[in-house]
Amino acid sequence: MADGLDDEWWLDTKEQGQRSEDEDDQIKTSNRKKDFGILDGELSEEPKKKKRKRVKITDKLAKREDSPATSKDFNSWLDKCGSGKLCAVELEDLHLKESSLLCNPNLSHLSEYLNSVIPDWTSLKSESKEKNTCSVLLVTSSAKRAVDLNRDAQKFKGKCSSAKLFAKHMKLKDQISFLGKKKIDFAIGTPNRIGAIIGAGALNISKTRYLILDWNWRDVKKRRMIDLPELEKDLFALLKDHFLPLLENNKMKIGLY
């Protein structure tokens, strides 16, 4: 078929401003690369974001090598728990004085620790036999831990009247009945149950001379009492509502074991 007389076949189509579809796509791609700052030869796909590995609280605790607690650590914990709930003056009133704190970080066995911080144990056992009272009260995290500590304290306790104040040992009403019959020399329990007993009027802590907190011990996941939210809440309430207000006008001291 012959060329039409009007066809200017000797001219290049590019010179006429005409481009193929493929050429249009190439130019568009090039312009997009320029917009995103991508050089020729680089991939136009956006790099995939790396997922940040979440660090579990148990992993953090496992790496910690905390030294035994001091009065500064204890007061800092009180500030943290009371922040947003108490004013600055109220928090200051809760702070533990150095003279009210009992620590001996070099003694890991409970009986040795108790012997070092409670030198008047013999005289305490022979004091007033008032019912609903307790001379030495040890607070720990769980029933199992309480049983273990009670066994470890045997060398220190010797022969004395004692009580186990946690949920799995006796029902609350039975513990209240038991405490109403005799004066207790040594008791061990959990924050929630001890708080419930005091709240029911079954334990008069005005006669308590030593409150020992199982503070430094860690479970298999490296958690202390204050690392467990519900337990921390119960412990703070127990101290704030019942024990810390007694420190000013009472002979009671607090030990961090």
Protein backbone atom coordinates (compact mmCIF):
# COMPACT_ATOMS: atom_id res chain seq x y z
CA MET A 1 0.00 0.00 0.00
CA ALA A 2 1.50 3.31 -0.98
CA ASP A 3 2.09 6.08 1.49
CA GLY A 4 -0.46 8.82 1.56
CA LEU A 5 0.58 12.11 0.09
CA ASP A 6 -0.16 13.88 3.37
CA ASP A 7 2.04 11.53 5.50
CA GLU A 8 5.30 13.18 6.49
CA TRP A 9 7.02 9.87 6.88
CA TRP A 10 10.51 11.33 6.97
CA LEU A 11 9.89 12.96 10.38
CA ASP A 12 10.69 11.07 13.68
CA THR A 13 7.57 10.61 15.84
CA LYS A 14 9.53 11.74 18.91
CA GLU A 15 10.22 15.03 17.25
CA GLN A 16 6.49 15.43 16.81
CA GLY A 17 5.98 15.10 20.61
CA GLN A 18 4.41 11.66 20.36
CA ARG A 19 5.44 8.86 22.74
CA SER A 20 4.50 5.24 23.15
CA GLU A 21 2.65 3.99 26.24
CA ASP A 22 5.80 2.19 27.46
CA GLU A 23 7.77 5.40 27.28
CA ASP A 24 5.07 7.25 29.23
CA ASP A 25 5.22 4.64 32.02
CA GLN A 26 9.02 4.92 32.21
CA ILE A 27 8.85 8.69 32.58
CA LYS A 28 6.17 8.47 35.30
CA THR A 29 8.25 5.92 37.24
CA SER A 30 11.32 8.14 36.96
CA ASN A 31 9.39 11.12 38.27
CA ARG A 32 8.09 9.12 41.23
CA LYS A 33 11.64 8.07 42.10
CA LYS A 34 12.71 11.71 42.09
CA ASP A 35 9.81 12.63 44.36
CA PHE A 36 10.86 9.98 46.92
CA GLY A 37 14.58 10.67 46.53
CA ILE A 38 15.30 7.26 44.96
CA LEU A 39 18.29 7.04 42.61
CA ASP A 40 18.33 4.96 39.47
CA GLY A 41 19.12 1.36 40.24
CA GLU A 42 17.58 1.48 43.71
CA LEU A 43 14.44 -0.42 44.57
CA SER A 44 11.34 1.70 44.51
CA GLU A 45 9.65 -0.30 47.28
CA GLU A 46 9.64 1.26 50.73
CA PRO A 47 11.84 -0.59 53.21
CA LYS A 48 9.96 -2.81 55.67
CA LYS A 49 9.92 -1.61 59.23
CA LYS A 50 11.59 -3.91 61.71
CA LYS A 51 9.33 -5.02 64.53
CA ARG A 52 10.58 -3.97 67.93
CA LYS A 53 10.90 -6.89 70.25
CA ARG A 54 8.89 -6.22 73.38
CA VAL A 55 10.88 -6.65 76.56
CA LYS A 56 8.93 -8.55 79.19
CA ILE A 57 8.96 -7.26 82.76
CA THR A 58 10.19 -10.66 83.92
CA ASP A 59 13.18 -10.37 81.56
CA LYS A 60 14.03 -6.97 83.00
CA LEU A 61 13.79 -8.26 86.55
CA ALA A 62 15.92 -11.29 85.71
CA LYS A 63 18.79 -9.01 84.67
CA ARG A 64 18.61 -6.88 87.78
CA GLU A 65 21.07 -7.45 90.58
CA ASP A 66 19.55 -5.34 93.32
CA SER A 67 21.33 -4.88 96.59
CA PRO A 68 19.36 -5.27 99.84
CA ALA A 69 16.87 -2.47 100.40
CA THR A 70 17.65 0.61 102.48
CA SER A 71 15.43 3.23 104.11
CA LYS A 72 15.86 5.38 100.98
CA ASP A 73 14.57 2.54 98.78
CA PHE A 74 11.64 1.98 101.11
CA ASN A 75 10.66 5.66 101.18
CA SER A 76 10.98 5.92 97.40
CA TRP A 77 8.58 2.99 97.10
CA LEU A 78 6.11 4.72 99.43
CA ASP A 79 6.29 7.85 97.27
CA LYS A 80 5.61 5.82 94.13
CA CYS A 81 2.60 4.03 95.62
CA GLY A 82 1.15 7.20 97.13
CA SER A 83 1.74 9.43 94.12
CA GLY A 84 -1.56 10.89 92.92
CA LYS A 85 -3.38 9.64 96.02
CA LEU A 86 -1.67 11.56 98.81
CA CYS A 87 -0.36 15.09 99.03
CA ALA A 88 3.33 15.86 99.60
CA VAL A 89 2.82 16.41 103.34
CA GLU A 90 0.98 13.10 103.76
CA LEU A 91 3.72 11.25 101.89
CA GLU A 92 6.37 12.89 104.04
CA ASP A 93 4.56 11.74 107.17
CA LEU A 94 4.72 8.14 105.94
CA HIS A 95 8.48 8.18 105.42
CA LEU A 96 10.45 5.77 107.53
CA LYS A 97 13.20 7.22 109.73
CA GLU A 98 16.57 5.53 109.79
CA SER A 99 16.11 4.71 113.47
CA SER A 100 12.88 2.81 112.74
CA LEU A 101 14.45 0.55 110.10
CA LEU A 102 16.12 -2.79 110.76
CA CYS A 103 18.46 -4.19 108.12
CA ASN A 104 21.30 -6.67 108.13
CA PRO A 105 22.11 -7.52 104.49
CA ASN A 106 24.96 -9.83 105.46
CA LEU A 107 22.61 -12.40 107.02
CA SER A 108 20.64 -14.49 104.54
CA HIS A 109 19.12 -17.04 106.92
CA LEU A 110 15.94 -15.84 108.62
CA SER A 111 16.75 -17.07 112.14
CA GLU A 112 20.14 -15.33 112.05
CA TYR A 113 18.54 -12.13 110.80
CA LEU A 114 15.83 -12.19 113.48
CA ASN A 115 18.39 -12.85 116.21
CA SER A 116 20.41 -9.84 115.07
CA VAL A 117 17.52 -7.35 114.86
CA ILE A 118 15.39 -8.63 117.78
CA PRO A 119 17.82 -8.93 120.71
CA ASP A 120 15.02 -8.72 123.30
CA TRP A 121 13.07 -11.76 122.05
CA THR A 122 13.19 -13.59 125.38
CA SER A 123 11.74 -10.64 127.31
CA LEU A 124 9.08 -10.10 124.63
CA LYS A 125 7.76 -13.61 125.15
CA SER A 126 7.36 -13.00 128.88
CA GLU A 127 5.55 -9.67 128.53
CA SER A 128 1.82 -9.05 128.98
CA LYS A 129 -0.38 -11.95 127.89
CA GLU A 130 -3.07 -9.72 126.42
CA LYS A 131 -5.31 -11.51 123.94
CA ASN A 132 -5.57 -10.35 120.32
CA THR A 133 -1.98 -9.11 120.35
CA CYS A 134 1.22 -10.14 118.60
CA SER A 135 4.82 -9.20 119.45
CA VAL A 136 6.51 -10.07 116.15
CA LEU A 137 4.65 -10.08 112.83
CA LEU A 138 6.28 -11.22 109.60
CA VAL A 139 4.65 -10.27 106.27
CA THR A 140 5.38 -12.24 103.11
CA SER A 141 3.99 -12.80 99.62
CA SER A 142 2.21 -16.16 99.66
CA ALA A 143 1.05 -19.12 101.73
CA LYS A 144 3.88 -21.32 100.45
CA ARG A 145 6.51 -18.72 101.24
CA ALA A 146 4.97 -18.23 104.70
CA VAL A 147 5.25 -21.96 105.43
CA ASP A 148 8.91 -21.95 104.35
CA LEU A 149 9.74 -18.91 106.46
CA ASN A 150 7.92 -20.30 109.49
CA ARG A 151 10.13 -23.38 109.27
CA ASP A 152 13.27 -21.27 108.80
CA ALA A 153 12.37 -19.18 111.87
CA GLN A 154 12.06 -22.20 114.15
CA LYS A 155 15.57 -21.89 115.55
CA PHE A 156 14.85 -18.27 116.46
CA LYS A 157 11.30 -18.80 117.80
CA GLY A 158 11.98 -21.76 120.01
CA LYS A 159 8.98 -22.58 122.16
CA CYS A 160 6.37 -19.85 121.80
CA SER A 161 2.77 -19.22 120.77
CA SER A 162 2.57 -18.59 117.04
CA ALA A 163 -0.02 -18.11 114.31
CA LYS A 164 -0.22 -18.50 110.54
CA LEU A 165 -2.28 -15.72 109.03
CA PHE A 166 -2.90 -16.60 105.41
CA ALA A 167 -5.87 -17.84 103.42
CA LYS A 168 -4.90 -21.46 102.77
CA HIS A 169 -4.25 -22.29 106.41
CA MET A 170 -7.55 -21.42 108.08
CA LYS A 171 -10.75 -19.59 107.22
CA LEU A 172 -10.87 -15.94 108.28
CA LYS A 173 -13.52 -16.55 110.95
CA ASP A 174 -11.45 -19.40 112.44
CA GLN A 175 -8.33 -17.23 112.58
CA ILE A 176 -10.30 -14.46 114.27
CA SER A 177 -11.60 -16.95 116.84
CA PHE A 178 -8.08 -18.33 117.43
CA LEU A 179 -6.55 -14.87 117.99
CA GLY A 180 -9.30 -14.00 120.45
CA LYS A 181 -8.26 -16.83 122.79
CA LYS A 182 -4.58 -16.04 123.39
CA LYS A 183 -1.70 -13.64 123.06
CA ILE A 184 0.55 -14.47 120.10
CA ASP A 185 4.32 -14.13 120.29
CA PHE A 186 5.11 -14.71 116.63
CA ALA A 187 2.85 -14.59 113.55
CA ILE A 188 3.43 -14.82 109.85
CA GLY A 189 1.02 -14.04 107.02
CA THR A 190 0.15 -12.25 103.80
CA PRO A 191 -0.80 -8.55 103.49
CA ASN A 192 -4.40 -9.12 102.43
CA ARG A 193 -5.28 -11.58 105.22
CA ILE A 194 -3.46 -9.61 107.91
CA GLY A 195 -5.28 -6.46 106.80
CA ALA A 196 -8.63 -8.26 106.94
CA ILE A 197 -7.93 -9.54 110.47
CA ILE A 198 -6.91 -6.09 111.73
CA GLY A 199 -9.94 -4.56 110.02
CA ALA A 200 -12.20 -7.04 111.83
CA GLY A 201 -10.75 -5.90 115.17
CA ALA A 202 -9.24 -9.33 115.84
CA LEU A 203 -5.62 -8.15 116.13
CA ASN A 204 -4.46 -5.25 118.30
CA ILE A 205 -1.20 -4.12 116.70
CA SER A 206 -0.50 -1.44 119.33
CA LYS A 207 1.44 -4.18 121.15
CA THR A 208 3.40 -5.28 118.08
CA ARG A 209 7.08 -4.45 118.55
CA TYR A 210 8.54 -5.75 115.30
CA LEU A 211 7.03 -5.81 111.82
CA ILE A 212 9.31 -7.78 109.49
CA LEU A 213 8.77 -7.50 105.73
CA ASP A 214 10.02 -10.27 103.46
CA TRP A 215 11.24 -7.50 101.18
CA ASN A 216 14.35 -8.73 99.36
CA TRP A 217 13.25 -12.27 98.48
CA ARG A 218 12.50 -13.00 94.80
CA ASP A 219 10.49 -15.83 93.28
CA VAL A 220 11.58 -17.94 90.28
CA LYS A 221 10.68 -15.02 87.99
CA LYS A 222 12.86 -12.65 90.05
CA ARG A 223 9.82 -10.80 91.42
CA ARG A 224 9.64 -9.31 94.90
CA MET A 225 6.42 -8.56 96.77
CA ILE A 226 6.43 -5.02 95.43
CA ASP A 227 6.82 -6.25 91.82
CA LEU A 228 3.36 -7.86 91.88
CA PRO A 229 0.68 -5.14 91.42
CA GLU A 230 -2.10 -6.60 93.59
CA LEU A 231 0.30 -7.66 96.32
CA GLU A 232 2.00 -4.27 96.25
CA LYS A 233 -1.38 -2.57 96.59
CA ASP A 234 -2.31 -4.73 99.61
CA LEU A 235 1.07 -4.15 101.27
CA PHE A 236 0.93 -0.39 100.82
CA ALA A 237 -2.61 -0.26 102.23
CA LEU A 238 -1.58 -2.41 105.21
CA LEU A 239 1.33 -0.13 106.06
CA LYS A 240 -0.40 3.19 105.36
CA ASP A 241 -3.65 2.40 107.18
CA HIS A 242 -2.36 0.43 110.14
CA PHE A 243 1.38 0.31 110.87
CA LEU A 244 3.14 3.48 109.71
CA PRO A 245 0.90 5.80 111.78
CA LEU A 246 2.09 3.94 114.91
CA LEU A 247 5.80 4.58 114.39
CA GLU A 248 5.89 8.04 115.97
CA ASN A 249 4.46 7.16 119.36
CA ASN A 250 5.20 3.46 119.45
CA LYS A 251 8.21 1.31 120.10
CA MET A 252 7.57 -0.68 116.95
CA LYS A 253 10.30 -1.05 114.35
CA ILE A 254 10.13 -2.28 110.76
CA GLY A 255 12.61 -4.79 109.38
CA LEU A 256 13.42 -5.36 105.71
CA TYR A 257 14.56 -8.95 105.39
